[in-house]
Amino acid sequence: MQHRTLGKQGLTVSAMGYGSMGTVVGYGASDDTESVAAIRRAHDLGVTFFDTAEMYGWGEGEKLLGRAVAPFRDEVVIATKFGFTPGYGTDSRPEHIREVVEASLRNLGVDSIDLLYQHRVDPAVPIEDVVAAMAEFVDAGKVRYLGLSEATPEVIRKAHAVHPISALQTEYSIFAPDAEPLFPLLEELGIGFVAYSPLARGFLTGAAKPAHEYDSGDFRSHVPWWHADNYEANTHIVDQLTELATAAGITVSQLALAWTLAQRDDIVPIPGSRNPDRVAQNIAAADIALTAADLARIAAIAPTGGHGGRGTPSPWL
């Protein structure tokens, strides 16, 4: 497994990470035993970067990840996030941050969090106050590096002026390329990029179903890519990508992940799967080098991403 550097503060992680949201929420019924096996398989295959959040089951996701990585905790980088409320509002008041981070440490069963993100910008709290509260944990040795998620250029600049930001996490994939306007700023400030949902929430696996075939609690049933007026066009994109992948002897998922890795040297995708075999398949994409012709063909197939949008507003656009 190759490694990549996020930011200029010394944070180095595996080129492919693991996103654990689906182990507890968002994608239908889960199985803790299978999820733990998937996380440990990822580690066995060289993954050192594991991502979770308070919001993922309101502590249950952190507990599961903590149990899974406990045997090799010192060999991995653990990232978690704060800032959502159970009603999907935002709360980044400093006093709340302090409560959440202490709870995350307990849930994970660790003495320190390697990378702490603000999950979403809170318009009610100045980002300078948010980062100052986050930095208190760095000073106390309870957090090593700081990050933001889905933040605007203005917020990123203001945050970075208070304390160095090592990583910005934002959705990014062939279907969701809208984070690209942020890349020049990240390069200027020396901030790495963590791509969540690099498989477009599963659409880029070739296993997507129409929205009505998912349970109402499944996140995908509400994402515009799956809506009836977009589904057929998006399926056509995946069919064309699958043809390209098949010709190269890889899966469409591996093609999508290799595309993400090819965009910048400081991008780290964090696909998530509860199936150990699919985890292994995803990790194998880290060794795939796409040609210039492959990248040009992908750009021609999906010049503006998926049809219908990703369902999360991009505040920088």
Protein backbone atom coordinates (compact mmCIF):
# COMPACT_ATOMS: atom_id res chain seq x y z
CA MET A 1 0.00 0.00 0.00
CA GLN A 2 1.30 3.41 -0.98
CA HIS A 3 0.96 6.31 1.43
CA ARG A 4 -0.01 9.93 0.98
CA THR A 5 0.53 13.06 3.05
CA LEU A 6 -2.39 15.21 4.16
CA GLY A 7 -1.36 18.77 4.92
CA LYS A 8 2.03 19.98 6.02
CA GLN A 9 1.84 19.01 9.67
CA GLY A 10 3.09 15.44 9.28
CA LEU A 11 -0.11 13.45 8.78
CA THR A 12 0.65 10.45 6.56
CA VAL A 13 -1.97 7.81 5.75
CA SER A 14 -2.55 4.93 3.36
CA ALA A 15 -3.50 6.03 -0.14
CA MET A 16 -6.85 4.28 0.33
CA GLY A 17 -8.78 4.83 3.53
CA TYR A 18 -11.92 3.29 4.99
CA GLY A 19 -15.16 5.19 5.65
CA SER A 20 -17.28 3.53 8.32
CA MET A 21 -20.63 5.36 8.08
CA GLY A 22 -22.33 2.38 6.47
CA THR A 23 -21.42 0.07 9.35
CA VAL A 24 -24.17 1.61 11.46
CA VAL A 25 -26.36 3.97 9.44
CA GLY A 26 -27.59 5.04 6.04
CA TYR A 27 -27.39 1.94 3.87
CA GLY A 28 -29.89 -0.55 5.19
CA ALA A 29 -29.46 -3.31 7.76
CA SER A 30 -25.95 -3.89 9.06
CA ASP A 31 -24.13 -6.71 10.81
CA ASP A 32 -21.56 -5.74 13.43
CA THR A 33 -19.61 -8.98 13.07
CA GLU A 34 -19.29 -8.54 9.32
CA SER A 35 -18.40 -4.85 9.73
CA VAL A 36 -15.61 -5.61 12.19
CA ALA A 37 -14.31 -8.28 9.81
CA ALA A 38 -14.36 -5.76 6.95
CA ILE A 39 -12.42 -3.17 8.96
CA ARG A 40 -9.82 -5.74 10.01
CA ARG A 41 -9.51 -7.01 6.45
CA ALA A 42 -8.81 -3.45 5.36
CA HIS A 43 -6.01 -3.20 7.92
CA ASP A 44 -4.59 -6.57 6.88
CA LEU A 45 -4.37 -5.22 3.31
CA GLY A 46 -2.51 -2.07 4.31
CA VAL A 47 -5.18 0.51 5.16
CA THR A 48 -4.09 2.75 8.01
CA PHE A 49 -6.77 5.47 7.78
CA PHE A 50 -10.20 4.87 9.33
CA ASP A 51 -12.97 7.47 9.36
CA THR A 52 -16.03 7.77 11.60
CA ALA A 53 -18.17 10.49 13.21
CA GLU A 54 -20.34 11.23 16.21
CA MET A 55 -23.34 11.30 13.86
CA TYR A 56 -22.81 7.71 12.68
CA GLY A 57 -25.22 6.09 15.08
CA TRP A 58 -24.63 8.81 17.69
CA GLY A 59 -21.65 7.07 19.19
CA GLU A 60 -22.37 3.54 18.04
CA GLY A 61 -20.19 3.91 14.95
CA GLU A 62 -17.28 5.15 17.01
CA LYS A 63 -17.69 2.28 19.45
CA LEU A 64 -17.72 -0.29 16.65
CA LEU A 65 -14.66 1.18 14.96
CA GLY A 66 -12.86 1.41 18.29
CA ARG A 67 -13.50 -2.28 18.97
CA ALA A 68 -12.45 -3.26 15.48
CA VAL A 69 -9.10 -1.45 15.51
CA ALA A 70 -8.26 -2.03 19.18
CA PRO A 71 -5.78 -4.86 18.44
CA PHE A 72 -3.71 -2.56 16.19
CA ARG A 73 -4.72 0.91 17.34
CA ASP A 74 -1.12 2.19 17.36
CA GLU A 75 -0.73 1.27 13.67
CA VAL A 76 -3.65 3.33 12.37
CA VAL A 77 -4.96 6.87 12.02
CA ILE A 78 -8.47 7.40 13.43
CA ALA A 79 -10.56 10.34 12.26
CA THR A 80 -13.87 11.45 13.72
CA LYS A 81 -16.17 14.45 13.40
CA PHE A 82 -18.48 16.66 15.45
CA GLY A 83 -21.01 19.32 14.61
CA PHE A 84 -24.34 17.74 13.68
CA THR A 85 -27.39 17.50 15.93
CA PRO A 86 -29.78 14.52 15.91
CA GLY A 87 -32.20 16.67 13.90
CA TYR A 88 -29.44 17.32 11.31
CA GLY A 89 -28.94 20.87 12.45
CA THR A 90 -25.52 22.18 13.44
CA ASP A 91 -23.99 22.84 16.84
CA SER A 92 -20.34 23.88 17.05
CA ARG A 93 -20.54 25.93 20.22
CA PRO A 94 -17.17 25.52 21.99
CA GLU A 95 -18.79 24.04 25.08
CA HIS A 96 -20.58 21.48 22.93
CA ILE A 97 -17.38 20.63 21.04
CA ARG A 98 -15.68 19.88 24.34
CA GLU A 99 -18.48 17.53 25.38
CA VAL A 100 -18.56 15.72 22.05
CA VAL A 101 -14.80 15.22 21.77
CA GLU A 102 -14.56 13.80 25.28
CA ALA A 103 -17.42 11.43 24.42
CA SER A 104 -15.70 10.43 21.18
CA LEU A 105 -12.53 9.57 23.06
CA ARG A 106 -14.55 7.32 25.36
CA ASN A 107 -16.53 5.75 22.52
CA LEU A 108 -13.40 4.98 20.52
CA GLY A 109 -11.56 3.74 23.61
CA VAL A 110 -8.49 5.83 22.80
CA ASP A 111 -6.34 8.42 24.52
CA SER A 112 -6.16 10.64 21.46
CA ILE A 113 -7.96 11.25 18.16
CA ASP A 114 -5.60 11.46 15.22
CA LEU A 115 -7.74 13.74 13.02
CA LEU A 116 -10.68 15.78 14.30
CA TYR A 117 -13.06 17.38 11.80
CA GLN A 118 -15.86 19.88 12.08
CA HIS A 119 -18.50 17.83 10.24
CA ARG A 120 -20.44 20.81 8.91
CA VAL A 121 -19.92 24.54 9.22
CA ASP A 122 -22.16 26.12 11.87
CA PRO A 123 -23.35 29.53 10.64
CA ALA A 124 -24.16 30.54 14.23
CA VAL A 125 -20.59 30.16 15.52
CA PRO A 126 -17.56 32.00 14.08
CA ILE A 127 -15.12 29.48 12.64
CA GLU A 128 -12.32 31.18 14.57
CA ASP A 129 -14.05 30.18 17.83
CA VAL A 130 -14.63 26.65 16.56
CA VAL A 131 -11.00 26.08 15.60
CA ALA A 132 -9.76 27.67 18.82
CA ALA A 133 -11.81 25.11 20.76
CA MET A 134 -10.51 22.28 18.57
CA ALA A 135 -6.94 23.49 19.09
CA GLU A 136 -7.37 23.19 22.86
CA PHE A 137 -7.43 19.43 22.39
CA VAL A 138 -4.27 19.56 20.28
CA ASP A 139 -2.54 21.49 23.03
CA ALA A 140 -3.78 18.94 25.57
CA GLY A 141 -2.46 16.02 23.50
CA LYS A 142 -5.95 14.59 22.92
CA VAL A 143 -6.08 15.43 19.19
CA ARG A 144 -3.18 15.39 16.72
CA TYR A 145 -4.49 17.10 13.57
CA LEU A 146 -7.47 19.23 12.58
CA GLY A 147 -9.80 19.08 9.59
CA LEU A 148 -12.94 20.58 8.07
CA SER A 149 -15.74 19.06 6.01
CA GLU A 150 -17.80 20.66 3.22
CA ALA A 151 -16.40 24.12 4.04
CA THR A 152 -16.32 27.23 1.87
CA PRO A 153 -13.08 28.96 0.77
CA GLU A 154 -13.69 31.81 3.22
CA VAL A 155 -14.18 29.41 6.13
CA ILE A 156 -11.11 27.39 5.14
CA ARG A 157 -8.91 30.51 5.08
CA LYS A 158 -10.19 31.79 8.41
CA ALA A 159 -9.83 28.40 10.07
CA HIS A 160 -6.32 27.84 8.75
CA ALA A 161 -5.25 31.24 10.12
CA VAL A 162 -6.19 30.13 13.66
CA HIS A 163 -4.58 26.67 13.54
CA PRO A 164 -3.19 24.68 10.59
CA ILE A 165 -5.84 22.58 8.89
CA SER A 166 -4.43 19.28 7.63
CA ALA A 167 -7.38 17.97 5.63
CA LEU A 168 -10.64 18.98 4.01
CA GLN A 169 -13.16 16.16 3.66
CA THR A 170 -15.79 16.58 0.95
CA GLU A 171 -17.75 14.30 -1.32
CA TYR A 172 -15.87 13.67 -4.56
CA SER A 173 -16.28 11.14 -7.36
CA ILE A 174 -16.83 10.82 -11.09
CA PHE A 175 -20.47 11.57 -10.31
CA ALA A 176 -19.65 14.47 -7.94
CA PRO A 177 -16.71 16.54 -9.24
CA ASP A 178 -18.00 19.84 -7.85
CA ALA A 179 -15.26 20.10 -5.19
CA GLU A 180 -12.65 20.78 -7.88
CA PRO A 181 -12.89 24.61 -7.61
CA LEU A 182 -11.50 24.21 -4.08
CA PHE A 183 -8.31 22.47 -5.20
CA PRO A 184 -6.24 25.60 -5.98
CA LEU A 185 -6.94 26.99 -2.50
CA LEU A 186 -6.02 23.69 -0.85
CA GLU A 187 -2.77 23.63 -2.80
CA GLU A 188 -2.03 27.23 -1.82
CA LEU A 189 -2.58 26.52 1.88
CA GLY A 190 -1.06 23.05 1.88
CA ILE A 191 -4.24 21.22 2.90
CA GLY A 192 -4.88 17.62 1.88
CA PHE A 193 -8.18 16.34 0.51
CA VAL A 194 -10.20 13.36 1.77
CA ALA A 195 -12.84 12.18 -0.70
CA TYR A 196 -15.89 10.67 0.90
CA SER A 197 -18.41 8.65 -1.13
CA PRO A 198 -15.89 8.11 -3.98
CA LEU A 199 -18.22 5.42 -5.36
CA ALA A 200 -21.15 7.87 -5.49
CA ARG A 201 -22.90 6.19 -2.56
CA GLY A 202 -22.81 2.91 -4.45
CA PHE A 203 -24.01 4.07 -7.87
CA LEU A 204 -20.49 3.55 -9.26
CA THR A 205 -20.44 -0.10 -8.21
CA GLY A 206 -22.79 -1.20 -10.97
CA ALA A 207 -25.24 -2.48 -8.36
CA ALA A 208 -27.56 0.53 -8.14
CA LYS A 209 -31.32 -0.05 -8.04
CA PRO A 210 -34.16 2.44 -8.61
CA ALA A 211 -34.94 4.55 -5.54
CA HIS A 212 -38.23 2.79 -4.78
CA GLU A 213 -36.43 -0.54 -4.33
CA TYR A 214 -34.53 0.73 -1.27
CA ASP A 215 -35.98 0.89 2.22
CA SER A 216 -37.25 4.32 3.23
CA GLY A 217 -34.46 4.57 5.80
CA ASP A 218 -31.80 3.98 3.15
CA PHE A 219 -30.03 7.24 2.30
CA ARG A 220 -29.93 6.38 -1.40
CA SER A 221 -33.70 6.49 -1.74
CA HIS A 222 -33.54 10.26 -1.22
CA VAL A 223 -30.50 11.18 -3.36
CA PRO A 224 -31.37 12.86 -6.70
CA TRP A 225 -29.11 10.49 -8.66
CA TRP A 226 -31.67 7.76 -7.95
CA HIS A 227 -34.77 9.81 -8.77
CA ALA A 228 -36.84 8.52 -11.66
CA ASP A 229 -35.96 11.42 -13.95
CA ASN A 230 -32.21 10.87 -13.46
CA TYR A 231 -31.82 7.15 -12.87
CA GLU A 232 -31.79 5.96 -16.48
CA ALA A 233 -29.24 8.60 -17.60
CA ASN A 234 -26.98 7.77 -14.67
CA THR A 235 -27.26 4.05 -15.35
CA HIS A 236 -26.19 4.76 -18.93
CA ILE A 237 -23.06 6.53 -17.62
CA VAL A 238 -22.21 3.56 -15.41
CA ASP A 239 -22.75 1.16 -18.31
CA GLN A 240 -20.21 3.07 -20.40
CA LEU A 241 -17.75 3.20 -17.50
CA THR A 242 -18.23 -0.53 -17.00
CA GLU A 243 -17.32 -1.18 -20.63
CA LEU A 244 -14.12 0.81 -20.15
CA ALA A 245 -13.32 -1.00 -16.90
CA THR A 246 -13.97 -4.43 -18.41
CA ALA A 247 -11.62 -3.67 -21.29
CA ALA A 248 -8.94 -2.83 -18.73
CA GLY A 249 -9.59 -6.00 -16.75
CA ILE A 250 -10.91 -4.22 -13.65
CA THR A 251 -14.30 -3.52 -12.07
CA VAL A 252 -16.19 -0.26 -12.45
CA SER A 253 -15.67 0.38 -8.71
CA GLN A 254 -11.92 0.03 -9.15
CA LEU A 255 -12.05 2.34 -12.16
CA ALA A 256 -13.87 4.99 -10.10
CA LEU A 257 -11.42 4.73 -7.21
CA ALA A 258 -8.37 4.79 -9.49
CA TRP A 259 -9.83 7.91 -11.15
CA THR A 260 -10.11 9.62 -7.76
CA LEU A 261 -6.52 8.77 -6.84
CA ALA A 262 -5.30 10.05 -10.21
CA GLN A 263 -6.69 13.55 -9.74
CA ARG A 264 -4.14 14.76 -7.17
CA ASP A 265 -1.26 13.34 -5.17
CA ASP A 266 -2.84 14.48 -1.90
CA ILE A 267 -6.31 13.00 -2.39
CA VAL A 268 -7.25 10.04 -0.21
CA PRO A 269 -10.58 8.33 -0.96
CA ILE A 270 -12.41 6.61 1.89
CA PRO A 271 -14.79 4.05 0.37
CA GLY A 272 -16.79 2.03 2.85
CA SER A 273 -18.11 -1.50 2.61
CA ARG A 274 -19.33 -3.98 5.19
CA ASN A 275 -18.27 -6.89 2.99
CA PRO A 276 -14.64 -8.00 3.48
CA ASP A 277 -14.31 -9.21 -0.12
CA ARG A 278 -15.55 -5.91 -1.54
CA VAL A 279 -13.16 -4.12 0.80
CA ALA A 280 -10.31 -6.11 -0.72
CA GLN A 281 -11.53 -5.27 -4.21
CA ASN A 282 -11.63 -1.57 -3.37
CA ILE A 283 -8.15 -1.60 -1.87
CA ALA A 284 -6.74 -3.26 -4.99
CA ALA A 285 -7.65 -0.09 -6.90
CA ALA A 286 -4.74 1.66 -5.19
CA ASP A 287 -2.40 -0.28 -7.49
CA ILE A 288 -4.23 0.61 -10.72
CA ALA A 289 -2.72 3.31 -12.92
CA LEU A 290 -5.14 4.73 -15.48
CA THR A 291 -3.75 5.98 -18.78
CA ALA A 292 -4.25 9.47 -20.15
CA ALA A 293 -6.61 7.91 -22.69
CA ASP A 294 -8.62 6.28 -19.87
CA LEU A 295 -8.96 9.58 -18.05
CA ALA A 296 -9.98 11.37 -21.24
CA ARG A 297 -12.61 8.72 -21.94
CA ILE A 298 -14.03 9.06 -18.42
CA ALA A 299 -14.20 12.83 -18.85
CA ALA A 300 -16.11 12.35 -22.10
CA ILE A 301 -18.54 9.89 -20.54
CA ALA A 302 -19.34 12.04 -17.50
CA PRO A 303 -18.22 15.61 -18.33
CA THR A 304 -20.25 17.23 -15.53
CA GLY A 305 -20.75 14.30 -13.19
CA GLY A 306 -23.96 12.43 -12.50
CA HIS A 307 -27.39 13.70 -13.46
CA GLY A 308 -29.41 15.25 -10.65
CA GLY A 309 -26.81 16.27 -8.10
CA ARG A 310 -25.45 14.64 -4.99
CA GLY A 311 -28.14 15.77 -2.58
CA THR A 312 -25.77 17.84 -0.45
CA PRO A 313 -25.51 21.56 -1.31
CA SER A 314 -22.04 22.73 -2.36
CA PRO A 315 -21.80 26.09 -0.56
CA TRP A 316 -18.72 27.22 -2.51
CA LEU A 317 -20.54 27.16 -5.87
